[in-house]
């Protein structure tokens, strides 16, 4: 639908991720439920947990983007000289293509 550059796409994902974690950590009912679930007594510790959740989620989003972009990358002549033959021609790969 939209053709974003990788930088714009990562910025968009980070913004959405920020709004989700910010809502999760600032909503009074939701944050108190989370604090009870993890038995967190101090609000500052909960804020650090929210920053940690954002950082880990951002790491996995950016790591996923990097691996998705480099998935089809080939080094050298791997596609032409596989197992000593010249690809589909059957000629041996000696001294180049």
C-alpha atoms as a PDB file:
ATOM      1  CA  UNK A   1       0.000   0.000   0.000  1.00  0.00           C
ATOM      2  CA  UNK A   2       2.662   2.512   1.043  1.00  0.00           C
ATOM      3  CA  UNK A   3       6.284   2.332   0.007  1.00  0.00           C
ATOM      4  CA  UNK A   4       8.257   3.694   2.979  1.00  0.00           C
ATOM      5  CA  UNK A   5      12.007   3.937   3.249  1.00  0.00           C
ATOM      6  CA  UNK A   6      13.502   1.711   5.967  1.00  0.00           C
ATOM      7  CA  UNK A   7      14.154   4.776   8.149  1.00  0.00           C
ATOM      8  CA  UNK A   8      10.555   5.983   7.847  1.00  0.00           C
ATOM      9  CA  UNK A   9       9.224   2.498   8.487  1.00  0.00           C
ATOM     10  CA  UNK A  10      11.329   2.099  11.642  1.00  0.00           C
ATOM     11  CA  UNK A  11      10.261   5.563  12.824  1.00  0.00           C
ATOM     12  CA  UNK A  12       6.617   4.642  12.326  1.00  0.00           C
ATOM     13  CA  UNK A  13       7.007   1.348  14.207  1.00  0.00           C
ATOM     14  CA  UNK A  14       8.863   3.079  17.045  1.00  0.00           C
ATOM     15  CA  UNK A  15       6.158   5.745  17.331  1.00  0.00           C
ATOM     16  CA  UNK A  16       3.367   3.167  17.491  1.00  0.00           C
ATOM     17  CA  UNK A  17       5.356   1.126  19.995  1.00  0.00           C
ATOM     18  CA  UNK A  18       5.926   4.232  22.116  1.00  0.00           C
ATOM     19  CA  UNK A  19       2.225   5.089  22.190  1.00  0.00           C
ATOM     20  CA  UNK A  20       1.291   1.525  23.153  1.00  0.00           C
ATOM     21  CA  UNK A  21       3.821   1.307  25.984  1.00  0.00           C
ATOM     22  CA  UNK A  22       3.071   4.849  27.113  1.00  0.00           C
ATOM     23  CA  UNK A  23      -0.656   4.073  27.329  1.00  0.00           C
ATOM     24  CA  UNK A  24       0.054   0.818  29.125  1.00  0.00           C
ATOM     25  CA  UNK A  25       2.244   2.571  31.691  1.00  0.00           C
ATOM     26  CA  UNK A  26       0.213   5.744  32.268  1.00  0.00           C
ATOM     27  CA  UNK A  27      -3.325   4.370  32.363  1.00  0.00           C
ATOM     28  CA  UNK A  28      -4.147   4.225  36.083  1.00  0.00           C
ATOM     29  CA  UNK A  29      -6.188   1.032  36.059  1.00  0.00           C
ATOM     30  CA  UNK A  30      -3.932  -0.868  33.688  1.00  0.00           C
ATOM     31  CA  UNK A  31      -0.717   0.204  35.409  1.00  0.00           C
ATOM     32  CA  UNK A  32      -2.028  -0.706  38.858  1.00  0.00           C
ATOM     33  CA  UNK A  33      -3.066  -4.143  37.569  1.00  0.00           C
ATOM     34  CA  UNK A  34       0.366  -4.691  36.066  1.00  0.00           C
ATOM     35  CA  UNK A  35       2.064  -3.495  39.254  1.00  0.00           C
ATOM     36  CA  UNK A  36      -0.024  -5.959  41.281  1.00  0.00           C
ATOM     37  CA  UNK A  37       0.700  -8.781  38.855  1.00  0.00           C
ATOM     38  CA  UNK A  38       4.485  -8.289  39.088  1.00  0.00           C
ATOM     39  CA  UNK A  39       4.320  -7.163  42.761  1.00  0.00           C
ATOM     40  CA  UNK A  40       6.008  -3.821  42.089  1.00  0.00           C
ATOM     41  CA  UNK A  41       5.665  -1.429  45.013  1.00  0.00           C
ATOM     42  CA  UNK A  42       7.403   1.679  43.698  1.00  0.00           C
ATOM     43  CA  UNK A  43       6.124   3.763  40.765  1.00  0.00           C
ATOM     44  CA  UNK A  44       9.698   4.599  39.689  1.00  0.00           C
ATOM     45  CA  UNK A  45      10.511   0.909  39.372  1.00  0.00           C
ATOM     46  CA  UNK A  46       7.422   0.509  37.229  1.00  0.00           C
ATOM     47  CA  UNK A  47       8.592   3.344  34.964  1.00  0.00           C
ATOM     48  CA  UNK A  48      11.930   1.575  34.552  1.00  0.00           C
ATOM     49  CA  UNK A  49      10.048  -1.587  33.651  1.00  0.00           C
ATOM     50  CA  UNK A  50       8.109   0.352  31.008  1.00  0.00           C
ATOM     51  CA  UNK A  51      11.337   1.697  29.508  1.00  0.00           C
ATOM     52  CA  UNK A  52      12.768  -1.824  29.505  1.00  0.00           C
ATOM     53  CA  UNK A  53       9.672  -3.197  27.762  1.00  0.00           C
ATOM     54  CA  UNK A  54       9.948  -0.467  25.111  1.00  0.00           C
ATOM     55  CA  UNK A  55      13.683  -1.089  24.626  1.00  0.00           C
ATOM     56  CA  UNK A  56      13.314  -4.852  24.238  1.00  0.00           C
ATOM     57  CA  UNK A  57      10.363  -4.506  21.871  1.00  0.00           C
ATOM     58  CA  UNK A  58      12.216  -1.886  19.800  1.00  0.00           C
ATOM     59  CA  UNK A  59      15.261  -4.168  19.608  1.00  0.00           C
ATOM     60  CA  UNK A  60      13.183  -7.039  18.228  1.00  0.00           C
ATOM     61  CA  UNK A  61      11.353  -4.792  15.758  1.00  0.00           C
ATOM     62  CA  UNK A  62      14.588  -3.294  14.414  1.00  0.00           C
ATOM     63  CA  UNK A  63      16.349  -6.676  14.376  1.00  0.00           C
ATOM     64  CA  UNK A  64      13.442  -8.156  12.439  1.00  0.00           C
ATOM     65  CA  UNK A  65      13.623  -5.346   9.905  1.00  0.00           C
ATOM     66  CA  UNK A  66      17.349  -5.865   9.378  1.00  0.00           C
ATOM     67  CA  UNK A  67      17.027  -9.611   8.876  1.00  0.00           C
ATOM     68  CA  UNK A  68      14.067  -9.188   6.551  1.00  0.00           C
ATOM     69  CA  UNK A  69      16.046  -6.792   4.346  1.00  0.00           C
ATOM     70  CA  UNK A  70      19.180  -8.974   4.071  1.00  0.00           C
ATOM     71  CA  UNK A  71      17.446 -12.326   3.706  1.00  0.00           C
ATOM     72  CA  UNK A  72      18.201 -12.813   0.001  1.00  0.00           C
ATOM     73  CA  UNK A  73      21.794 -11.558   0.101  1.00  0.00           C
ATOM     74  CA  UNK A  74      24.395 -13.758  -1.603  1.00  0.00           C
ATOM     75  CA  UNK A  75      28.168 -13.512  -1.333  1.00  0.00           C
ATOM     76  CA  UNK A  76      30.418 -13.739  -4.367  1.00  0.00           C
ATOM     77  CA  UNK A  77      29.478 -16.235  -7.059  1.00  0.00           C
ATOM     78  CA  UNK A  78      27.469 -18.628  -4.929  1.00  0.00           C
ATOM     79  CA  UNK A  79      24.600 -18.714  -7.389  1.00  0.00           C
ATOM     80  CA  UNK A  80      26.835 -19.510 -10.397  1.00  0.00           C
ATOM     81  CA  UNK A  81      29.441 -21.950  -9.051  1.00  0.00           C
ATOM     82  CA  UNK A  82      27.687 -24.479  -6.829  1.00  0.00           C
ATOM     83  CA  UNK A  83      29.591 -27.711  -6.127  1.00  0.00           C
ATOM     84  CA  UNK A  84      32.196 -26.973  -8.794  1.00  0.00           C
ATOM     85  CA  UNK A  85      29.852 -26.703 -11.772  1.00  0.00           C
ATOM     86  CA  UNK A  86      28.871 -23.628 -13.720  1.00  0.00           C
ATOM     87  CA  UNK A  87      25.257 -23.515 -12.659  1.00  0.00           C
ATOM     88  CA  UNK A  88      22.873 -24.903 -15.289  1.00  0.00           C
ATOM     89  CA  UNK A  89      25.527 -25.322 -18.011  1.00  0.00           C
ATOM     90  CA  UNK A  90      27.380 -28.132 -16.235  1.00  0.00           C
ATOM     91  CA  UNK A  91      30.774 -26.625 -17.072  1.00  0.00           C
ATOM     92  CA  UNK A  92      33.342 -26.633 -14.245  1.00  0.00           C
ATOM     93  CA  UNK A  93      33.956 -23.338 -12.443  1.00  0.00           C
ATOM     94  CA  UNK A  94      37.653 -22.739 -12.981  1.00  0.00           C
ATOM     95  CA  UNK A  95      39.096 -19.251 -12.875  1.00  0.00           C
ATOM     96  CA  UNK A  96      35.882 -17.274 -12.938  1.00  0.00           C
ATOM     97  CA  UNK A  97      32.585 -17.366 -14.756  1.00  0.00           C
END
